[in-house]
PDB file of N, CA and C in Angstrom:
ATOM      1  N   MET A   1       0.933  -0.857  -0.007  1.00  0.00           N
ATOM      2  CA  MET A   1       0.032   0.264   0.195  1.00  0.00           C
ATOM      3  C   MET A   1       0.677   1.553  -0.283  1.00  0.00           C
ATOM      4  N   THR A   2       0.638   2.308  -0.956  1.00  0.00           N
ATOM      5  CA  THR A   2       1.539   3.478  -1.021  1.00  0.00           C
ATOM      6  C   THR A   2       0.678   4.512  -0.323  1.00  0.00           C
ATOM      7  N   PHE A   3       1.179   5.412   0.591  1.00  0.00           N
ATOM      8  CA  PHE A   3       0.952   6.237   1.196  1.00  0.00           C
ATOM      9  C   PHE A   3       1.179   7.589   0.429  1.00  0.00           C
ATOM     10  N   ARG A   4       0.177   8.617   0.059  1.00  0.00           N
ATOM     11  CA  ARG A   4       0.135   9.983  -0.566  1.00  0.00           C
ATOM     12  C   ARG A   4      -0.330  11.129   0.479  1.00  0.00           C
ATOM     13  N   PRO A   5       0.573  11.725   0.828  1.00  0.00           N
ATOM     14  CA  PRO A   5       0.224  12.907   1.767  1.00  0.00           C
ATOM     15  C   PRO A   5      -1.116  13.545   0.991  1.00  0.00           C
ATOM     16  N   THR A   6      -2.186  14.596   2.031  1.00  0.00           N
ATOM     17  CA  THR A   6      -3.077  15.254   1.753  1.00  0.00           C
ATOM     18  C   THR A   6      -2.378  16.450   0.931  1.00  0.00           C
ATOM     19  N   THR A   7      -3.590  17.052   0.116  1.00  0.00           N
ATOM     20  CA  THR A   7      -3.084  18.162  -0.531  1.00  0.00           C
ATOM     21  C   THR A   7      -2.113  19.276   0.281  1.00  0.00           C
ATOM     22  N   ILE A   8      -2.427  19.397   1.755  1.00  0.00           N
ATOM     23  CA  ILE A   8      -2.297  20.154   2.683  1.00  0.00           C
ATOM     24  C   ILE A   8      -0.852  19.882   3.253  1.00  0.00           C
ATOM     25  N   GLU A   9      -0.765  18.766   3.548  1.00  0.00           N
ATOM     26  CA  GLU A   9       0.444  17.859   3.746  1.00  0.00           C
ATOM     27  C   GLU A   9       1.842  18.416   2.962  1.00  0.00           C
ATOM     28  N   ARG A  10       1.352  18.008   1.590  1.00  0.00           N
ATOM     29  CA  ARG A  10       2.318  18.045   0.644  1.00  0.00           C
ATOM     30  C   ARG A  10       2.532  19.558   0.567  1.00  0.00           C
ATOM     31  N   ALA A  11       1.545  20.436   0.792  1.00  0.00           N
ATOM     32  CA  ALA A  11       2.194  22.187   0.580  1.00  0.00           C
ATOM     33  C   ALA A  11       2.913  22.331   1.531  1.00  0.00           C
ATOM     34  N   TYR A  12       2.742  21.754   2.978  1.00  0.00           N
ATOM     35  CA  TYR A  12       3.679  22.223   3.937  1.00  0.00           C
ATOM     36  C   TYR A  12       5.169  21.640   3.478  1.00  0.00           C
ATOM     37  N   GLN A  13       5.062  19.932   2.976  1.00  0.00           N
ATOM     38  CA  GLN A  13       6.181  19.718   2.369  1.00  0.00           C
ATOM     39  C   GLN A  13       7.145  20.497   1.570  1.00  0.00           C
ATOM     40  N   LEU A  14       6.274  20.916   0.488  1.00  0.00           N
ATOM     41  CA  LEU A  14       7.096  21.504  -0.260  1.00  0.00           C
ATOM     42  C   LEU A  14       7.256  22.751   0.093  1.00  0.00           C
ATOM     43  N   ALA A  15       6.982  23.963   0.937  1.00  0.00           N
ATOM     44  CA  ALA A  15       7.174  25.109   1.388  1.00  0.00           C
ATOM     45  C   ALA A  15       8.294  24.657   2.361  1.00  0.00           C
ATOM     46  N   GLU A  16       8.794  23.843   2.811  1.00  0.00           N
ATOM     47  CA  GLU A  16       9.567  23.590   3.585  1.00  0.00           C
ATOM     48  C   GLU A  16      10.994  22.868   2.807  1.00  0.00           C
ATOM     49  N   SER A  17      10.647  22.209   1.646  1.00  0.00           N
ATOM     50  CA  SER A  17      11.973  21.798   1.009  1.00  0.00           C
ATOM     51  C   SER A  17      12.753  22.823   0.564  1.00  0.00           C
ATOM     52  N   GLY A  18      12.723  23.871   0.422  1.00  0.00           N
ATOM     53  CA  GLY A  18      13.398  24.820  -0.270  1.00  0.00           C
ATOM     54  C   GLY A  18      13.493  25.033  -1.559  1.00  0.00           C
ATOM     55  N   GLU A  19      12.502  24.599  -2.314  1.00  0.00           N
ATOM     56  CA  GLU A  19      12.492  24.404  -3.679  1.00  0.00           C
ATOM     57  C   GLU A  19      11.541  25.431  -4.077  1.00  0.00           C
ATOM     58  N   CYS A  20      10.580  25.846  -3.281  1.00  0.00           N
ATOM     59  CA  CYS A  20       9.590  26.512  -3.409  1.00  0.00           C
ATOM     60  C   CYS A  20       9.739  28.131  -2.911  1.00  0.00           C
ATOM     61  N   ARG A  21       9.758  29.394  -3.609  1.00  0.00           N
ATOM     62  CA  ARG A  21       9.843  30.599  -3.460  1.00  0.00           C
ATOM     63  C   ARG A  21       8.798  31.362  -2.639  1.00  0.00           C
ATOM     64  N   THR A  22       7.626  30.882  -3.661  1.00  0.00           N
ATOM     65  CA  THR A  22       5.992  31.443  -3.277  1.00  0.00           C
ATOM     66  C   THR A  22       5.224  30.641  -3.050  1.00  0.00           C
ATOM     67  N   VAL A  23       4.229  30.618  -2.642  1.00  0.00           N
ATOM     68  CA  VAL A  23       2.973  29.918  -2.473  1.00  0.00           C
ATOM     69  C   VAL A  23       2.345  29.662  -3.815  1.00  0.00           C
ATOM     70  N   GLY A  24       2.630  30.604  -4.522  1.00  0.00           N
ATOM     71  CA  GLY A  24       2.105  30.158  -6.034  1.00  0.00           C
ATOM     72  C   GLY A  24       2.813  29.155  -6.611  1.00  0.00           C
ATOM     73  N   ASP A  25       4.471  29.279  -6.285  1.00  0.00           N
ATOM     74  CA  ASP A  25       5.164  27.904  -6.763  1.00  0.00           C
ATOM     75  C   ASP A  25       4.692  26.538  -6.175  1.00  0.00           C
ATOM     76  N   VAL A  26       4.243  26.773  -5.189  1.00  0.00           N
ATOM     77  CA  VAL A  26       3.709  25.228  -3.970  1.00  0.00           C
ATOM     78  C   VAL A  26       2.480  25.049  -4.742  1.00  0.00           C
ATOM     79  N   LYS A  27       1.532  25.769  -5.265  1.00  0.00           N
ATOM     80  CA  LYS A  27       0.236  25.363  -6.114  1.00  0.00           C
ATOM     81  C   LYS A  27       0.594  25.062  -7.269  1.00  0.00           C
ATOM     82  N   LYS A  28       1.271  25.744  -8.091  1.00  0.00           N
ATOM     83  CA  LYS A  28       1.889  24.794  -9.679  1.00  0.00           C
ATOM     84  C   LYS A  28       2.744  23.480  -9.381  1.00  0.00           C
ATOM     85  N   GLN A  29       3.545  23.216  -8.000  1.00  0.00           N
ATOM     86  CA  GLN A  29       4.030  21.896  -8.042  1.00  0.00           C
ATOM     87  C   GLN A  29       3.180  21.199  -7.873  1.00  0.00           C
ATOM     88  N   LEU A  30       2.076  21.414  -7.090  1.00  0.00           N
ATOM     89  CA  LEU A  30       0.923  20.540  -6.292  1.00  0.00           C
ATOM     90  C   LEU A  30       0.192  20.009  -7.512  1.00  0.00           C
ATOM     91  N   ALA A  31      -0.028  21.034  -8.672  1.00  0.00           N
ATOM     92  CA  ALA A  31      -0.740  21.006  -9.936  1.00  0.00           C
ATOM     93  C   ALA A  31       0.231  19.820 -10.824  1.00  0.00           C
ATOM     94  N   ALA A  32       1.264  19.891 -10.622  1.00  0.00           N
ATOM     95  CA  ALA A  32       2.379  19.304 -11.447  1.00  0.00           C
ATOM     96  C   ALA A  32       2.085  17.809 -11.481  1.00  0.00           C
ATOM     97  N   GLU A  33       1.951  17.552  -9.623  1.00  0.00           N
ATOM     98  CA  GLU A  33       1.860  16.196  -9.290  1.00  0.00           C
ATOM     99  C   GLU A  33       0.591  15.464  -9.209  1.00  0.00           C
ATOM    100  N   GLY A  34      -0.005  16.538  -9.447  1.00  0.00           N
ATOM    101  CA  GLY A  34      -1.474  15.620  -9.900  1.00  0.00           C
ATOM    102  C   GLY A  34      -3.065  15.637  -8.510  1.00  0.00           C
ATOM    103  N   PHE A  35      -2.608  16.942  -8.002  1.00  0.00           N
ATOM    104  CA  PHE A  35      -3.087  17.186  -6.646  1.00  0.00           C
ATOM    105  C   PHE A  35      -4.057  17.590  -7.364  1.00  0.00           C
ATOM    106  N   VAL A  36      -5.505  17.773  -7.006  1.00  0.00           N
ATOM    107  CA  VAL A  36      -6.975  18.413  -7.277  1.00  0.00           C
ATOM    108  C   VAL A  36      -7.275  19.395  -6.299  1.00  0.00           C
ATOM    109  N   GLY A  37      -7.987  20.588  -6.451  1.00  0.00           N
ATOM    110  CA  GLY A  37      -8.986  20.845  -5.476  1.00  0.00           C
ATOM    111  C   GLY A  37      -8.037  21.758  -4.547  1.00  0.00           C
ATOM    112  N   ILE A  38      -7.008  21.937  -5.087  1.00  0.00           N
ATOM    113  CA  ILE A  38      -5.893  23.041  -4.567  1.00  0.00           C
ATOM    114  C   ILE A  38      -6.366  24.095  -3.766  1.00  0.00           C
ATOM    115  N   GLN A  39      -6.946  25.180  -4.918  1.00  0.00           N
ATOM    116  CA  GLN A  39      -7.478  26.814  -4.540  1.00  0.00           C
ATOM    117  C   GLN A  39      -8.422  26.594  -3.528  1.00  0.00           C
ATOM    118  N   ASP A  40      -9.281  25.445  -3.282  1.00  0.00           N
ATOM    119  CA  ASP A  40     -10.076  25.261  -2.446  1.00  0.00           C
ATOM    120  C   ASP A  40      -9.487  24.534  -1.087  1.00  0.00           C
ATOM    121  N   GLN A  41      -8.678  24.275  -0.792  1.00  0.00           N
ATOM    122  CA  GLN A  41      -8.005  23.493   0.108  1.00  0.00           C
ATOM    123  C   GLN A  41      -6.845  24.383   0.809  1.00  0.00           C
ATOM    124  N   LEU A  42      -6.198  24.917  -0.005  1.00  0.00           N
ATOM    125  CA  LEU A  42      -5.526  26.100   0.504  1.00  0.00           C
ATOM    126  C   LEU A  42      -5.854  27.733   0.319  1.00  0.00           C
ATOM    127  N   TYR A  43      -6.996  27.805   0.765  1.00  0.00           N
ATOM    128  CA  TYR A  43      -7.983  29.076   0.572  1.00  0.00           C
ATOM    129  C   TYR A  43      -7.584  29.482   1.997  1.00  0.00           C
ATOM    130  N   GLY A  44      -7.184  31.025   2.316  1.00  0.00           N
ATOM    131  CA  GLY A  44      -7.458  31.515   3.581  1.00  0.00           C
ATOM    132  C   GLY A  44      -6.679  32.155   3.901  1.00  0.00           C
ATOM    133  N   ALA A  45      -6.405  33.299   5.004  1.00  0.00           N
ATOM    134  CA  ALA A  45      -5.450  33.898   5.278  1.00  0.00           C
ATOM    135  C   ALA A  45      -4.386  33.541   6.248  1.00  0.00           C
ATOM    136  N   THR A  46      -4.944  32.571   6.852  1.00  0.00           N
ATOM    137  CA  THR A  46      -4.090  31.622   7.680  1.00  0.00           C
ATOM    138  C   THR A  46      -2.929  30.497   7.057  1.00  0.00           C
ATOM    139  N   ILE A  47      -3.707  29.902   6.304  1.00  0.00           N
ATOM    140  CA  ILE A  47      -2.869  28.795   5.720  1.00  0.00           C
ATOM    141  C   ILE A  47      -1.896  29.664   4.649  1.00  0.00           C
ATOM    142  N   THR A  48      -2.360  30.573   4.093  1.00  0.00           N
ATOM    143  CA  THR A  48      -1.726  31.244   3.138  1.00  0.00           C
ATOM    144  C   THR A  48      -0.160  32.160   3.661  1.00  0.00           C
ATOM    145  N   ALA A  49      -0.503  32.523   5.028  1.00  0.00           N
ATOM    146  CA  ALA A  49       0.543  32.931   6.051  1.00  0.00           C
ATOM    147  C   ALA A  49       1.385  31.909   6.334  1.00  0.00           C
ATOM    148  N   ALA A  50       1.094  31.107   6.568  1.00  0.00           N
ATOM    149  CA  ALA A  50       1.582  30.105   7.113  1.00  0.00           C
ATOM    150  C   ALA A  50       2.713  29.562   6.169  1.00  0.00           C
ATOM    151  N   LEU A  51       2.215  29.098   4.902  1.00  0.00           N
ATOM    152  CA  LEU A  51       3.009  28.258   3.607  1.00  0.00           C
ATOM    153  C   LEU A  51       3.845  29.576   3.369  1.00  0.00           C
ATOM    154  N   ARG A  52       3.782  30.888   3.232  1.00  0.00           N
ATOM    155  CA  ARG A  52       4.316  32.149   2.814  1.00  0.00           C
ATOM    156  C   ARG A  52       6.158  32.103   3.583  1.00  0.00           C
ATOM    157  N   GLN A  53       5.435  32.058   4.962  1.00  0.00           N
ATOM    158  CA  GLN A  53       6.775  32.126   6.031  1.00  0.00           C
ATOM    159  C   GLN A  53       7.480  31.047   5.871  1.00  0.00           C
ATOM    160  N   ARG A  54       6.987  29.942   5.398  1.00  0.00           N
ATOM    161  CA  ARG A  54       7.791  28.478   5.145  1.00  0.00           C
ATOM    162  C   ARG A  54       8.313  28.632   4.120  1.00  0.00           C
ATOM    163  N   CYS A  55       8.094  29.281   2.937  1.00  0.00           N
ATOM    164  CA  CYS A  55       8.811  29.297   1.675  1.00  0.00           C
ATOM    165  C   CYS A  55       9.896  30.050   2.104  1.00  0.00           C
ATOM    166  N   VAL A  56       9.546  31.387   2.536  1.00  0.00           N
ATOM    167  CA  VAL A  56      10.714  32.624   2.783  1.00  0.00           C
ATOM    168  C   VAL A  56      11.693  32.029   3.723  1.00  0.00           C
ATOM    169  N   LYS A  57      11.298  31.645   4.631  1.00  0.00           N
ATOM    170  CA  LYS A  57      12.321  30.741   5.760  1.00  0.00           C
ATOM    171  C   LYS A  57      12.840  29.675   5.235  1.00  0.00           C
ATOM    172  N   PHE A  58      12.331  28.512   4.116  1.00  0.00           N
ATOM    173  CA  PHE A  58      13.318  27.553   3.459  1.00  0.00           C
ATOM    174  C   PHE A  58      13.864  28.101   2.278  1.00  0.00           C
ATOM    175  N   TYR A  59      13.648  28.771   1.621  1.00  0.00           N
ATOM    176  CA  TYR A  59      13.584  29.028   0.208  1.00  0.00           C
ATOM    177  C   TYR A  59      15.415  28.895   0.163  1.00  0.00           C
ATOM    178  N   LYS A  60      16.084  28.003  -0.621  1.00  0.00           N
ATOM    179  CA  LYS A  60      17.557  27.962  -1.104  1.00  0.00           C
ATOM    180  C   LYS A  60      17.266  28.253  -2.709  1.00  0.00           C
ATOM    181  N   ALA A  61      17.829  30.073  -2.867  1.00  0.00           N
ATOM    182  CA  ALA A  61      18.042  30.409  -4.534  1.00  0.00           C
ATOM    183  C   ALA A  61      19.110  29.706  -4.909  1.00  0.00           C
ATOM    184  N   GLU A  62      18.928  29.198  -6.283  1.00  0.00           N
ATOM    185  CA  GLU A  62      19.974  28.485  -6.790  1.00  0.00           C
ATOM    186  C   GLU A  62      21.367  29.283  -6.836  1.00  0.00           C
ATOM    187  N   GLU A  63      22.671  28.620  -6.962  1.00  0.00           N
ATOM    188  CA  GLU A  63      23.856  28.925  -6.778  1.00  0.00           C
ATOM    189  C   GLU A  63      24.068  29.881  -8.366  1.00  0.00           C
ATOM    190  N   PRO A  64      24.683  30.988  -8.873  1.00  0.00           N
ATOM    191  CA  PRO A  64      24.987  31.235  -9.822  1.00  0.00           C
ATOM    192  C   PRO A  64      25.502  30.360 -10.624  1.00  0.00           C
ATOM    193  N   ALA A  65      25.921  30.124 -11.679  1.00  0.00           N
ATOM    194  CA  ALA A  65      26.825  29.107 -12.351  1.00  0.00           C
ATOM    195  C   ALA A  65      27.906  29.757 -12.639  1.00  0.00           C
ATOM    196  N   GLU A  66      29.217  28.984 -12.417  1.00  0.00           N
ATOM    197  CA  GLU A  66      30.924  29.817 -12.321  1.00  0.00           C
ATOM    198  C   GLU A  66      31.214  29.733 -13.654  1.00  0.00           C
ATOM    199  N   GLY A  67      31.860  30.509 -14.409  1.00  0.00           N
ATOM    200  CA  GLY A  67      32.298  30.318 -15.659  1.00  0.00           C
ATOM    201  C   GLY A  67      33.603  30.495 -15.749  1.00  0.00           C
TER     202      GLY A  67
END
């Protein structure tokens, strides 16, 4: 049996992964992974603020390529 996180759980994982700079990036990645009802499940000031804070805290900008 394969475990798949809920949309909200996966959103938090993505926000804390360091790969998503904004909540919009989180939503785009969720859609790419096949999650549905993203707007409905991630709607509201509280969850948006929580995800935004995590994106800011954990985002790792790509290192510029050395030439």
